[in-house]
N, C-alpha and C. Protein backbone atom coordinates (compact mmCIF):
# COMPACT_ATOMS: atom_id res chain seq x y z
N UNK A 1 -37.11 -15.27 -1.95
CA UNK A 1 -37.16 -14.10 -1.09
C UNK A 1 -37.97 -14.46 0.15
N UNK A 2 -37.38 -14.30 1.34
CA UNK A 2 -38.10 -14.61 2.58
C UNK A 2 -39.30 -13.68 2.76
N UNK A 3 -40.40 -14.24 3.22
CA UNK A 3 -41.62 -13.47 3.44
C UNK A 3 -41.77 -13.19 4.93
N UNK A 4 -41.44 -11.97 5.32
CA UNK A 4 -41.49 -11.59 6.72
C UNK A 4 -42.90 -11.23 7.18
N UNK A 5 -43.86 -11.24 6.28
CA UNK A 5 -45.22 -10.87 6.64
C UNK A 5 -46.02 -12.03 7.22
N UNK A 6 -45.52 -13.26 7.06
CA UNK A 6 -46.26 -14.42 7.58
C UNK A 6 -46.01 -14.55 9.08
N UNK A 7 -47.00 -14.98 9.83
CA UNK A 7 -46.82 -15.11 11.27
C UNK A 7 -46.19 -16.46 11.66
N UNK A 8 -45.81 -16.54 12.93
CA UNK A 8 -45.37 -17.81 13.49
C UNK A 8 -44.03 -18.31 12.97
N UNK A 9 -43.99 -19.62 12.75
CA UNK A 9 -42.75 -20.29 12.35
C UNK A 9 -42.25 -19.78 11.00
N UNK A 10 -43.16 -19.40 10.14
CA UNK A 10 -42.75 -18.87 8.83
C UNK A 10 -41.94 -17.60 8.97
N UNK A 11 -42.34 -16.74 9.89
CA UNK A 11 -41.60 -15.50 10.12
C UNK A 11 -40.21 -15.81 10.68
N UNK A 12 -40.14 -16.78 11.59
CA UNK A 12 -38.85 -17.17 12.15
C UNK A 12 -37.90 -17.67 11.07
N UNK A 13 -38.42 -18.52 10.18
CA UNK A 13 -37.59 -19.02 9.08
C UNK A 13 -37.16 -17.87 8.17
N UNK A 14 -38.06 -16.93 7.92
CA UNK A 14 -37.72 -15.78 7.08
C UNK A 14 -36.65 -14.93 7.74
N UNK A 15 -36.78 -14.69 9.05
CA UNK A 15 -35.76 -13.92 9.77
C UNK A 15 -34.41 -14.64 9.74
N UNK A 16 -34.43 -15.96 9.89
CA UNK A 16 -33.18 -16.73 9.80
C UNK A 16 -32.53 -16.53 8.43
N UNK A 17 -33.35 -16.56 7.39
CA UNK A 17 -32.83 -16.40 6.02
C UNK A 17 -32.26 -15.00 5.81
N UNK A 18 -32.99 -13.99 6.28
CA UNK A 18 -32.51 -12.61 6.12
C UNK A 18 -31.23 -12.39 6.92
N UNK A 19 -31.16 -12.95 8.10
CA UNK A 19 -29.93 -12.83 8.91
C UNK A 19 -28.76 -13.51 8.21
N UNK A 20 -29.01 -14.66 7.62
CA UNK A 20 -27.94 -15.36 6.88
C UNK A 20 -27.49 -14.52 5.69
N UNK A 21 -28.44 -13.92 4.98
CA UNK A 21 -28.09 -13.05 3.86
C UNK A 21 -27.27 -11.85 4.34
N UNK A 22 -27.64 -11.32 5.49
CA UNK A 22 -26.93 -10.15 6.02
C UNK A 22 -25.52 -10.53 6.47
N UNK A 23 -25.36 -11.73 7.04
CA UNK A 23 -24.00 -12.20 7.39
C UNK A 23 -23.13 -12.27 6.13
N UNK A 24 -23.71 -12.78 5.06
CA UNK A 24 -22.99 -12.86 3.79
C UNK A 24 -22.65 -11.45 3.29
N UNK A 25 -23.60 -10.56 3.41
CA UNK A 25 -23.37 -9.17 3.01
C UNK A 25 -22.25 -8.55 3.83
N UNK A 26 -22.23 -8.84 5.12
CA UNK A 26 -21.18 -8.30 5.99
C UNK A 26 -19.81 -8.83 5.59
N UNK A 27 -19.74 -10.12 5.27
CA UNK A 27 -18.45 -10.67 4.80
C UNK A 27 -18.00 -9.97 3.52
N UNK A 28 -18.93 -9.76 2.61
CA UNK A 28 -18.59 -9.08 1.36
C UNK A 28 -18.21 -7.62 1.60
N UNK A 29 -18.94 -6.97 2.51
CA UNK A 29 -18.64 -5.57 2.83
C UNK A 29 -17.23 -5.45 3.43
N UNK A 30 -16.86 -6.41 4.26
CA UNK A 30 -15.51 -6.40 4.85
C UNK A 30 -14.45 -6.54 3.77
N UNK A 31 -14.74 -7.39 2.79
CA UNK A 31 -13.81 -7.56 1.67
C UNK A 31 -13.71 -6.26 0.86
N UNK A 32 -14.85 -5.64 0.61
CA UNK A 32 -14.86 -4.37 -0.12
C UNK A 32 -14.11 -3.30 0.66
N UNK A 33 -14.28 -3.30 1.98
CA UNK A 33 -13.58 -2.32 2.80
C UNK A 33 -12.07 -2.46 2.65
N UNK A 34 -11.58 -3.69 2.70
CA UNK A 34 -10.14 -3.91 2.53
C UNK A 34 -9.68 -3.45 1.14
N UNK A 35 -10.49 -3.75 0.13
CA UNK A 35 -10.10 -3.38 -1.23
C UNK A 35 -10.11 -1.87 -1.42
N UNK A 36 -11.13 -1.21 -0.87
CA UNK A 36 -11.19 0.25 -1.04
C UNK A 36 -10.07 0.94 -0.27
N UNK A 37 -9.67 0.37 0.86
CA UNK A 37 -8.56 0.95 1.61
C UNK A 37 -7.28 0.92 0.78
N UNK A 38 -7.15 -0.10 -0.05
CA UNK A 38 -5.96 -0.23 -0.90
C UNK A 38 -5.87 0.85 -1.96
N UNK A 39 -7.01 1.50 -2.27
CA UNK A 39 -7.00 2.55 -3.28
C UNK A 39 -6.29 3.81 -2.80
N UNK A 40 -6.28 4.01 -1.49
CA UNK A 40 -5.61 5.20 -0.95
C UNK A 40 -6.45 6.46 -1.04
N UNK A 41 -7.70 6.36 -1.43
CA UNK A 41 -8.60 7.51 -1.51
C UNK A 41 -9.38 7.60 -0.19
N UNK A 42 -9.16 8.65 0.59
CA UNK A 42 -9.80 8.74 1.90
C UNK A 42 -11.33 8.68 1.84
N UNK A 43 -11.94 9.30 0.87
CA UNK A 43 -13.40 9.29 0.76
C UNK A 43 -13.92 7.88 0.49
N UNK A 44 -13.30 7.19 -0.44
CA UNK A 44 -13.72 5.83 -0.77
C UNK A 44 -13.45 4.89 0.40
N UNK A 45 -12.32 5.09 1.08
CA UNK A 45 -12.00 4.28 2.25
C UNK A 45 -13.06 4.48 3.34
N UNK A 46 -13.46 5.71 3.57
CA UNK A 46 -14.49 6.01 4.56
C UNK A 46 -15.82 5.37 4.18
N UNK A 47 -16.17 5.43 2.91
CA UNK A 47 -17.42 4.82 2.46
C UNK A 47 -17.39 3.30 2.65
N UNK A 48 -16.25 2.69 2.41
CA UNK A 48 -16.11 1.26 2.64
C UNK A 48 -16.29 0.91 4.11
N UNK A 49 -15.76 1.75 4.98
CA UNK A 49 -15.92 1.55 6.42
C UNK A 49 -17.38 1.71 6.82
N UNK A 50 -18.05 2.71 6.26
CA UNK A 50 -19.46 2.94 6.56
C UNK A 50 -20.31 1.74 6.13
N UNK A 51 -19.96 1.16 5.01
CA UNK A 51 -20.68 -0.01 4.52
C UNK A 51 -20.62 -1.14 5.54
N UNK A 52 -19.46 -1.38 6.09
CA UNK A 52 -19.30 -2.44 7.10
C UNK A 52 -20.10 -2.10 8.35
N UNK A 53 -20.03 -0.87 8.81
CA UNK A 53 -20.75 -0.46 10.01
C UNK A 53 -22.26 -0.63 9.83
N UNK A 54 -22.77 -0.25 8.69
CA UNK A 54 -24.21 -0.37 8.42
C UNK A 54 -24.61 -1.84 8.38
N UNK A 55 -23.82 -2.67 7.73
CA UNK A 55 -24.13 -4.10 7.66
C UNK A 55 -24.10 -4.72 9.07
N UNK A 56 -23.16 -4.29 9.90
CA UNK A 56 -23.08 -4.79 11.28
C UNK A 56 -24.32 -4.38 12.08
N UNK A 57 -24.73 -3.12 11.93
CA UNK A 57 -25.91 -2.65 12.66
C UNK A 57 -27.16 -3.39 12.21
N UNK A 58 -27.28 -3.63 10.92
CA UNK A 58 -28.42 -4.37 10.40
C UNK A 58 -28.45 -5.78 10.96
N UNK A 59 -27.31 -6.44 10.97
CA UNK A 59 -27.24 -7.80 11.51
C UNK A 59 -27.60 -7.82 12.99
N UNK A 60 -27.09 -6.87 13.75
CA UNK A 60 -27.43 -6.79 15.17
C UNK A 60 -28.93 -6.62 15.37
N UNK A 61 -29.55 -5.77 14.57
CA UNK A 61 -31.00 -5.56 14.66
C UNK A 61 -31.76 -6.83 14.33
N UNK A 62 -31.33 -7.51 13.30
CA UNK A 62 -32.00 -8.75 12.90
C UNK A 62 -31.83 -9.83 13.96
N UNK A 63 -30.64 -9.92 14.54
CA UNK A 63 -30.40 -10.91 15.59
C UNK A 63 -31.29 -10.62 16.80
N UNK A 64 -31.43 -9.37 17.14
CA UNK A 64 -32.29 -9.00 18.26
C UNK A 64 -33.75 -9.36 17.94
N UNK A 65 -34.17 -9.08 16.72
CA UNK A 65 -35.54 -9.42 16.30
C UNK A 65 -35.76 -10.93 16.33
N UNK A 66 -34.77 -11.69 15.90
CA UNK A 66 -34.87 -13.16 15.94
C UNK A 66 -35.03 -13.65 17.38
N UNK A 67 -34.24 -13.08 18.29
CA UNK A 67 -34.36 -13.46 19.71
C UNK A 67 -35.77 -13.16 20.23
N UNK A 68 -36.28 -11.98 19.90
CA UNK A 68 -37.64 -11.61 20.32
C UNK A 68 -38.68 -12.56 19.75
N UNK A 69 -38.55 -12.89 18.48
CA UNK A 69 -39.52 -13.78 17.83
C UNK A 69 -39.45 -15.18 18.43
N UNK A 70 -38.26 -15.66 18.73
CA UNK A 70 -38.11 -16.98 19.35
C UNK A 70 -38.74 -17.00 20.75
N UNK A 71 -38.52 -15.94 21.51
CA UNK A 71 -39.11 -15.84 22.84
C UNK A 71 -40.64 -15.84 22.75
N UNK A 72 -41.17 -15.07 21.83
CA UNK A 72 -42.62 -15.03 21.62
C UNK A 72 -43.16 -16.41 21.24
N UNK A 73 -42.45 -17.09 20.36
CA UNK A 73 -42.89 -18.43 19.93
C UNK A 73 -42.88 -19.39 21.11
N UNK A 74 -41.83 -19.32 21.95
CA UNK A 74 -41.77 -20.20 23.14
C UNK A 74 -42.93 -19.91 24.08
N UNK A 75 -43.23 -18.63 24.28
CA UNK A 75 -44.33 -18.26 25.16
C UNK A 75 -45.66 -18.78 24.60
N UNK A 76 -45.83 -18.69 23.30
CA UNK A 76 -47.07 -19.18 22.69
C UNK A 76 -47.18 -20.69 22.83
N UNK A 77 -46.08 -21.39 22.68
CA UNK A 77 -46.09 -22.85 22.82
C UNK A 77 -46.42 -23.23 24.27
N UNK A 78 -45.79 -22.55 25.21
CA UNK A 78 -46.08 -22.82 26.63
C UNK A 78 -47.55 -22.56 26.94
N UNK A 79 -48.10 -21.48 26.40
CA UNK A 79 -49.50 -21.16 26.62
C UNK A 79 -50.40 -22.22 26.02
N UNK A 80 -50.06 -22.70 24.83
CA UNK A 80 -50.85 -23.75 24.19
C UNK A 80 -50.76 -25.05 24.96
N UNK A 81 -49.60 -25.35 25.50
CA UNK A 81 -49.42 -26.57 26.30
C UNK A 81 -50.25 -26.50 27.58
N UNK A 82 -50.30 -25.34 28.20
CA UNK A 82 -51.11 -25.19 29.43
C UNK A 82 -52.58 -25.37 29.12
N UNK A 83 -53.01 -24.87 27.96
CA UNK A 83 -54.42 -24.99 27.59
C UNK A 83 -54.82 -26.45 27.39
N UNK A 84 -53.94 -27.24 26.83
CA UNK A 84 -54.25 -28.67 26.57
C UNK A 84 -54.12 -29.52 27.81
N UNK A 85 -53.37 -29.05 28.82
CA UNK A 85 -53.18 -29.82 30.05
C UNK A 85 -54.35 -29.67 31.01
N UNK A 86 -55.10 -28.61 30.89
CA UNK A 86 -56.21 -28.39 31.81
C UNK A 86 -57.36 -29.33 31.51
N UNK A 87 -58.05 -29.84 32.60
CA UNK A 87 -59.16 -30.78 32.38
C UNK A 87 -60.39 -30.11 31.84
């Protein structure tokens, strides 16, 4: 289980893992959506569609968070490099 509470590179690795899990979940949700549509029950079909939409929104949120974390990490590295370059 990825630990999102750790700072720095550990958090980035955890976010990568959670995003990968969510991509897998989205693929499975899409498969479930197709299968539930085959049942012909409008309520179940709608729930299958909602499952895909929720998984997509979660993945988008995680991808945005990963971008933010990577940007923060780059800024911290640049700041550390500037500190070591000064006499």
